[in-house]
Protein backbone atom coordinates (compact mmCIF):
# COMPACT_ATOMS: atom_id res chain seq x y z
CA UNK A 1 0.16 0.07 0.15
CA UNK A 2 1.24 3.37 -0.76
CA UNK A 3 0.22 6.98 0.12
CA UNK A 4 2.58 9.62 -0.93
CA UNK A 5 2.27 13.09 0.49
CA UNK A 6 4.32 14.85 -2.27
CA UNK A 7 4.50 14.56 -5.90
CA UNK A 8 6.85 12.15 -7.20
CA UNK A 9 8.39 11.07 -10.50
CA UNK A 10 10.14 8.14 -11.56
CA UNK A 11 12.45 7.73 -14.47
CA UNK A 12 11.38 5.06 -17.05
CA UNK A 13 12.15 4.01 -20.56
CA UNK A 14 8.59 3.48 -21.50
CA UNK A 15 7.05 6.10 -23.99
CA UNK A 16 4.58 7.86 -21.62
CA UNK A 17 3.69 11.42 -21.93
CA UNK A 18 5.70 14.02 -19.85
CA UNK A 19 3.99 16.29 -17.46
CA UNK A 20 5.43 19.79 -18.38
CA UNK A 21 4.01 22.73 -16.59
CA UNK A 22 5.63 25.47 -19.11
CA UNK A 23 3.76 23.41 -21.77
CA UNK A 24 0.54 23.11 -19.58
CA UNK A 25 0.30 26.88 -19.16
CA UNK A 26 1.09 27.85 -22.89
CA UNK A 27 -2.45 28.63 -23.39
CA UNK A 28 -3.59 30.31 -20.19
CA UNK A 29 -2.81 33.76 -21.18
CA UNK A 30 -5.79 33.43 -23.40
CA UNK A 31 -8.06 32.99 -20.42
CA UNK A 32 -10.38 35.99 -20.06
CA UNK A 33 -9.30 37.98 -16.93
CA UNK A 34 -12.16 37.05 -14.60
CA UNK A 35 -12.36 35.64 -11.09
CA UNK A 36 -14.62 32.79 -9.64
CA UNK A 37 -17.91 33.98 -7.85
CA UNK A 38 -17.31 31.16 -5.31
CA UNK A 39 -14.75 28.58 -4.75
CA UNK A 40 -15.12 25.10 -3.16
CA UNK A 41 -12.95 24.43 0.10
CA UNK A 42 -11.91 20.81 -0.52
CA UNK A 43 -10.10 18.30 1.64
CA UNK A 44 -8.88 15.26 -0.17
CA UNK A 45 -6.84 12.08 0.13
CA UNK A 46 -5.96 9.28 -2.26
CA UNK A 47 -4.17 5.92 -2.01
CA UNK A 48 -3.53 3.10 -4.42
CA UNK A 49 -2.55 -0.45 -3.44
CA UNK A 50 -1.17 -3.13 -5.61
CA UNK A 51 -3.50 -5.74 -3.82
CA UNK A 52 -2.59 -9.25 -2.82
CA UNK A 53 -2.26 -11.07 -6.20
CA UNK A 54 -0.98 -8.66 -9.02
CA UNK A 55 2.84 -8.34 -9.67
CA UNK A 56 2.33 -4.61 -10.56
CA UNK A 57 -0.03 -1.82 -10.24
CA UNK A 58 -1.98 -0.51 -13.30
CA UNK A 59 -4.06 1.98 -11.42
CA UNK A 60 -3.14 5.50 -11.34
CA UNK A 61 -4.54 8.57 -9.76
CA UNK A 62 -3.86 12.11 -10.37
CA UNK A 63 -5.18 15.87 -9.70
CA UNK A 64 -4.59 19.33 -10.75
CA UNK A 65 -5.72 22.05 -8.15
CA UNK A 66 -4.77 25.60 -9.68
CA UNK A 67 -4.76 28.81 -7.67
CA UNK A 68 -5.00 31.60 -10.56
CA UNK A 69 -8.24 33.10 -10.33
CA UNK A 70 -8.81 32.83 -14.20
CA UNK A 71 -8.10 29.07 -14.19
CA UNK A 72 -10.22 28.52 -11.19
CA UNK A 73 -13.29 30.43 -12.79
CA UNK A 74 -12.77 28.71 -16.19
CA UNK A 75 -11.54 24.99 -15.24
CA UNK A 76 -11.73 24.40 -11.69
CA UNK A 77 -9.79 21.72 -10.03
CA UNK A 78 -9.65 18.08 -11.60
CA UNK A 79 -9.30 14.87 -9.65
CA UNK A 80 -9.25 11.46 -11.60
CA UNK A 81 -8.71 7.86 -11.26
CA UNK A 82 -7.52 5.45 -14.23
CA UNK A 83 -7.46 1.68 -14.26
CA UNK A 84 -5.27 0.37 -17.12
CA UNK A 85 -5.55 -2.81 -18.97
CA UNK A 86 -3.03 -4.81 -21.32
CA UNK A 87 -0.24 -7.20 -21.05
CA UNK A 88 3.50 -6.41 -20.89
CA UNK A 89 2.96 -3.31 -18.69
CA UNK A 90 0.51 -1.96 -21.31
CA UNK A 91 -2.00 -0.90 -18.86
CA UNK A 92 0.35 0.79 -16.43
CA UNK A 93 1.54 2.99 -19.38
CA UNK A 94 -2.14 3.70 -20.71
CA UNK A 95 -3.41 4.87 -17.24
CA UNK A 96 -0.38 7.17 -16.74
CA UNK A 97 -0.69 8.48 -20.44
CA UNK A 98 -4.42 9.17 -20.14
CA UNK A 99 -4.05 11.19 -16.67
CA UNK A 100 -1.09 13.25 -17.83
CA UNK A 101 -2.62 14.02 -21.25
CA UNK A 102 -6.11 14.60 -19.68
CA UNK A 103 -4.77 17.57 -17.44
CA UNK A 104 -2.43 19.01 -19.99
CA UNK A 105 -5.28 19.01 -22.81
CA UNK A 106 -8.05 20.23 -20.25
CA UNK A 107 -6.09 23.12 -18.93
CA UNK A 108 -4.44 24.23 -22.17
CA UNK A 109 -7.83 24.76 -23.80
CA UNK A 110 -9.06 28.45 -22.85
CA UNK A 111 -11.76 28.64 -25.23
CA UNK A 112 -14.08 25.89 -25.21
CA UNK A 113 -16.83 25.54 -22.48
CA UNK A 114 -15.91 23.20 -19.32
CA UNK A 115 -17.76 20.04 -20.88
CA UNK A 116 -16.46 20.38 -24.31
CA UNK A 117 -12.97 20.94 -22.90
CA UNK A 118 -13.15 17.86 -20.68
CA UNK A 119 -14.61 15.61 -23.63
CA UNK A 120 -11.98 16.78 -26.00
CA UNK A 121 -9.20 16.13 -23.62
CA UNK A 122 -10.24 12.65 -23.14
CA UNK A 123 -10.63 12.27 -26.85
CA UNK A 124 -7.20 13.37 -27.43
CA UNK A 125 -5.85 11.12 -24.78
CA UNK A 126 -7.62 8.21 -26.52
CA UNK A 127 -6.15 9.12 -29.84
CA UNK A 128 -2.58 9.23 -28.25
CA UNK A 129 -2.99 5.75 -26.53
CA UNK A 130 -4.50 4.03 -29.41
CA UNK A 131 -1.71 5.38 -31.88
CA UNK A 132 0.95 4.10 -29.66
CA UNK A 133 -0.67 0.85 -29.54
CA UNK A 134 -0.91 0.56 -33.38
CA UNK A 135 2.88 1.48 -33.42
CA UNK A 136 3.85 -1.23 -30.85
CA UNK A 137 2.50 -4.94 -31.32
CA UNK A 138 2.83 -5.78 -27.88
CA UNK A 139 0.78 -2.70 -26.99
CA UNK A 140 -2.07 -3.56 -29.15
CA UNK A 141 -5.39 -3.48 -27.18
CA UNK A 142 -3.91 -1.32 -24.36
CA UNK A 143 -6.50 0.93 -22.70
CA UNK A 144 -7.69 2.09 -19.32
CA UNK A 145 -10.99 3.14 -17.56
CA UNK A 146 -11.49 6.89 -16.53
CA UNK A 147 -13.45 8.44 -13.72
CA UNK A 148 -12.72 12.35 -13.42
CA UNK A 149 -14.38 15.23 -11.30
CA UNK A 150 -14.07 18.82 -11.98
CA UNK A 151 -15.02 21.10 -9.00
CA UNK A 152 -15.84 24.33 -10.72
CA UNK A 153 -17.49 27.22 -8.47
CA UNK A 154 -20.66 25.69 -7.36
CA UNK A 155 -20.73 22.73 -9.58
CA UNK A 156 -19.21 19.23 -10.02
CA UNK A 157 -18.78 17.92 -13.70
CA UNK A 158 -18.26 14.24 -13.72
CA UNK A 159 -16.91 12.16 -16.77
CA UNK A 160 -16.47 8.42 -16.69
CA UNK A 161 -15.44 5.67 -19.23
CA UNK A 162 -15.37 1.91 -18.14
CA UNK A 163 -16.34 0.53 -14.82
CA UNK A 164 -14.33 2.35 -12.49
CA UNK A 165 -16.84 4.60 -10.18
CA UNK A 166 -17.89 7.88 -8.70
CA UNK A 167 -19.99 8.00 -5.51
CA UNK A 168 -21.45 10.96 -3.73
CA UNK A 169 -22.14 10.75 -0.03
CA UNK A 170 -24.74 13.19 1.12
CA UNK A 171 -26.40 13.14 4.56
CA UNK A 172 -25.21 9.67 5.11
CA UNK A 173 -26.80 8.29 1.88
CA UNK A 174 -24.50 7.02 -0.80
CA UNK A 175 -25.65 7.47 -4.48
CA UNK A 176 -23.69 6.02 -7.24
CA UNK A 177 -23.24 8.76 -9.86
CA UNK A 178 -21.81 6.48 -12.66
CA UNK A 179 -23.20 3.45 -14.11
CA UNK A 180 -20.47 0.81 -15.33
CA UNK A 181 -19.75 0.48 -18.96
CA UNK A 182 -19.66 -3.23 -18.78
CA UNK A 183 -21.48 -6.30 -20.41
CA UNK A 184 -22.95 -7.49 -17.22
CA UNK A 185 -24.41 -3.75 -16.25
CA UNK A 186 -25.91 -3.62 -19.93
CA UNK A 187 -27.38 -7.08 -19.38
CA UNK A 188 -28.88 -6.13 -16.01
CA UNK A 189 -30.46 -2.82 -17.25
CA UNK A 190 -32.06 -4.77 -19.89
CA UNK A 191 -33.43 -7.16 -17.43
CA UNK A 192 -31.50 -10.12 -18.78
CA UNK A 193 -29.51 -10.74 -15.68
CA UNK A 194 -30.05 -9.91 -11.93
CA UNK A 195 -27.41 -8.23 -9.88
CA UNK A 196 -26.62 -11.39 -7.86
CA UNK A 197 -26.07 -13.19 -11.31
CA UNK A 198 -23.91 -10.46 -12.55
CA UNK A 199 -21.84 -10.53 -9.45
CA UNK A 200 -21.17 -14.36 -10.30
CA UNK A 201 -20.95 -13.93 -14.02
CA UNK A 202 -17.67 -15.22 -15.87
CA UNK A 203 -18.06 -12.10 -18.05
CA UNK A 204 -17.96 -9.73 -14.98
CA UNK A 205 -14.77 -7.93 -16.10
CA UNK A 206 -15.81 -7.30 -19.55
CA UNK A 207 -16.10 -3.73 -20.22
CA UNK A 208 -17.94 -2.09 -23.13
CA UNK A 209 -16.10 1.26 -23.13
CA UNK A 210 -12.44 2.22 -22.47
CA UNK A 211 -9.80 4.92 -23.28
CA UNK A 212 -7.22 3.89 -25.92
CA UNK A 213 -8.40 0.56 -26.94
CA UNK A 214 -10.50 1.76 -29.75
CA UNK A 215 -10.08 4.24 -32.36
CA UNK A 216 -13.22 6.20 -30.95
CA UNK A 217 -14.14 6.92 -27.28
CA UNK A 218 -17.36 7.99 -26.06
CA UNK A 219 -17.05 9.41 -22.53
CA UNK A 220 -20.25 10.01 -20.38
CA UNK A 221 -20.55 13.42 -18.81
CA UNK A 222 -23.05 14.67 -16.02
CA UNK A 223 -23.18 17.95 -14.09
CA UNK A 224 -24.20 18.24 -10.45
CA UNK A 225 -24.37 20.80 -7.55
CA UNK A 226 -21.33 21.33 -5.27
CA UNK A 227 -23.17 21.06 -1.81
CA UNK A 228 -21.03 21.68 1.39
CA UNK A 229 -20.77 18.61 3.57
CA UNK A 230 -20.85 16.30 0.23
CA UNK A 231 -18.01 13.87 0.10
CA UNK A 232 -16.93 12.36 -3.41
CA UNK A 233 -15.42 9.19 -3.89
CA UNK A 234 -13.63 7.89 -6.99
CA UNK A 235 -12.36 4.32 -7.18
CA UNK A 236 -11.28 1.57 -9.28
CA UNK A 237 -13.13 -1.94 -9.39
CA UNK A 238 -10.47 -3.25 -7.20
CA UNK A 239 -12.42 -1.84 -4.26
CA UNK A 240 -16.04 -2.15 -5.52
CA UNK A 241 -15.42 -5.91 -6.47
CA UNK A 242 -14.98 -6.48 -2.55
CA UNK A 243 -16.65 -3.68 -0.77
CA UNK A 244 -20.48 -2.91 -0.63
CA UNK A 245 -21.68 0.54 -1.53
CA UNK A 246 -23.15 0.94 2.11
CA UNK A 247 -19.60 -0.05 3.54
CA UNK A 248 -18.02 2.66 1.43
CA UNK A 249 -20.52 5.18 2.85
CA UNK A 250 -20.18 3.97 6.36
CA UNK A 251 -16.12 4.03 6.39
CA UNK A 252 -16.30 7.53 4.78
CA UNK A 253 -18.87 9.07 6.81
CA UNK A 254 -17.02 7.87 10.22
CA UNK A 255 -13.27 8.63 9.39
CA UNK A 256 -11.17 11.34 8.00
CA UNK A 257 -10.46 11.18 4.37
CA UNK A 258 -6.86 9.87 4.75
CA UNK A 259 -8.21 7.25 7.33
CA UNK A 260 -10.97 6.22 5.11
CA UNK A 261 -8.60 5.44 2.07
CA UNK A 262 -6.73 3.17 4.41
CA UNK A 263 -9.55 1.41 5.75
CA UNK A 264 -11.03 0.69 2.42
CA UNK A 265 -8.14 -0.80 0.85
CA UNK A 266 -7.35 -2.87 3.96
CA UNK A 267 -11.00 -4.21 3.80
CA UNK A 268 -10.55 -5.07 0.02
CA UNK A 269 -7.20 -6.78 0.72
CA UNK A 270 -8.86 -8.69 3.51
CA UNK A 271 -11.62 -10.17 1.10
CA UNK A 272 -9.27 -11.15 -1.51
CA UNK A 273 -7.34 -8.26 -3.06
CA UNK A 274 -7.11 -9.98 -6.39
CA UNK A 275 -6.73 -6.72 -8.31
CA UNK A 276 -5.29 -3.19 -7.94
CA UNK A 277 -7.24 -0.87 -5.63
CA UNK A 278 -7.30 2.84 -5.75
CA UNK A 279 -9.52 5.31 -3.85
CA UNK A 280 -9.72 9.18 -3.97
CA UNK A 281 -11.84 11.08 -1.54
CA UNK A 282 -12.83 14.72 -1.81
CA UNK A 283 -14.83 16.32 0.72
CA UNK A 284 -16.37 19.71 0.07
CA UNK A 285 -15.94 21.61 3.43
CA UNK A 286 -17.61 24.84 2.14
CA UNK A 287 -18.21 27.30 -0.62
CA UNK A 288 -16.42 30.65 -0.06
CA UNK A 289 -16.85 33.75 -2.10
CA UNK A 290 -13.81 35.04 -4.06
CA UNK A 291 -12.33 38.23 -2.65
CA UNK A 292 -10.96 39.79 -5.84
CA UNK A 293 -9.26 42.82 -4.10
CA UNK A 294 -7.24 40.67 -1.95
CA UNK A 295 -7.02 37.66 -4.10
CA UNK A 296 -8.36 35.38 -1.68
CA UNK A 297 -11.47 33.76 -0.31
CA UNK A 298 -13.90 34.97 2.28
CA UNK A 299 -16.94 32.95 3.89
CA UNK A 300 -20.39 32.41 2.07
CA UNK A 301 -23.01 33.37 4.46
CA UNK A 302 -25.08 30.60 5.91
CA UNK A 303 -22.53 27.92 4.75
CA UNK A 304 -20.04 25.81 6.75
CA UNK A 305 -16.46 27.33 6.62
CA UNK A 306 -13.76 25.24 7.57
CA UNK A 307 -10.14 26.38 7.16
CA UNK A 308 -8.06 23.45 6.36
CA UNK A 309 -5.11 22.64 4.60
CA UNK A 310 -5.46 20.25 1.65
CA UNK A 311 -4.35 16.62 2.52
CA UNK A 312 -3.22 15.20 -0.65
CA UNK A 313 -1.45 12.07 -1.27
CA UNK A 314 -0.41 10.74 -4.77
CA UNK A 315 1.25 7.55 -6.04
CA UNK A 316 1.98 5.75 -9.24
CA UNK A 317 -0.16 3.89 -11.17
CA UNK A 318 -4.71 -0.09 -13.29
CA UNK A 319 -6.99 -3.16 -16.56
CA UNK A 320 -9.45 -3.41 -19.77
CA UNK A 321 -11.52 -5.07 -22.24
CA UNK A 322 -10.64 -8.27 -20.66
CA UNK A 323 -9.54 -7.11 -17.22
């Protein structure tokens, strides 16, 4: 299990995308000079674990939390989890490429609306991964799932491809925001299979959408209100394959974000841990007005205000079409 408090990089000979802040901000001068009306106060933590069976970790999480007012107003803060697939370390490469390209492309597009910018960033990442797979025979079929949340003023934009999930916990109730892009989920929706049958199906790990495995990708996007007190959970199916939704809710609501990620991974491993496991928890502690004169934020009346430092942790690298 790993939880890294500071960004880390590892040298590698694999042809993955490099994260270059200078390249990332090349288009930022084009952002209009405006400030956000409100900004969400976020507390977040993430953790990834190889599990008890796998020999490498193909899961990956990443985030970008800007401070520039114009970027906050136009693009907000991005948090994402990816779960790669493919042999010969292809899944690990795909998930890392996706998240690096996602952040670069999303924040380097100052002109599109937020939904278009996010969709285009996913498509560009798909093109990059698919093109690499076509050039290297050992990489063909490589791909990755994706769940991403954008916290933009008083909204939360969710994007997903595959069977990684996003949950929202509000007032103790756990709502699954995403529906798996998987064969068993489609059969269940059509009434051809029960939930119990889906859990036991040998085709449980067959997903119907991914990033990079096919020439085209169709991400699913949805917009939601950012409500103080809400907690958002992003995770790979290494967690949901072993931990029930109600258990996720109970652990998240009774522990700090950092401790909840630890407890959830421990539970998944205790029940088998046959897959990589990744959990990203983001809590909305309040919405605060942005003070343009002081380049800071101030409390929004009648909303919870919690002055907290961000608790972040990140680590390296998760599975697909046949995972």
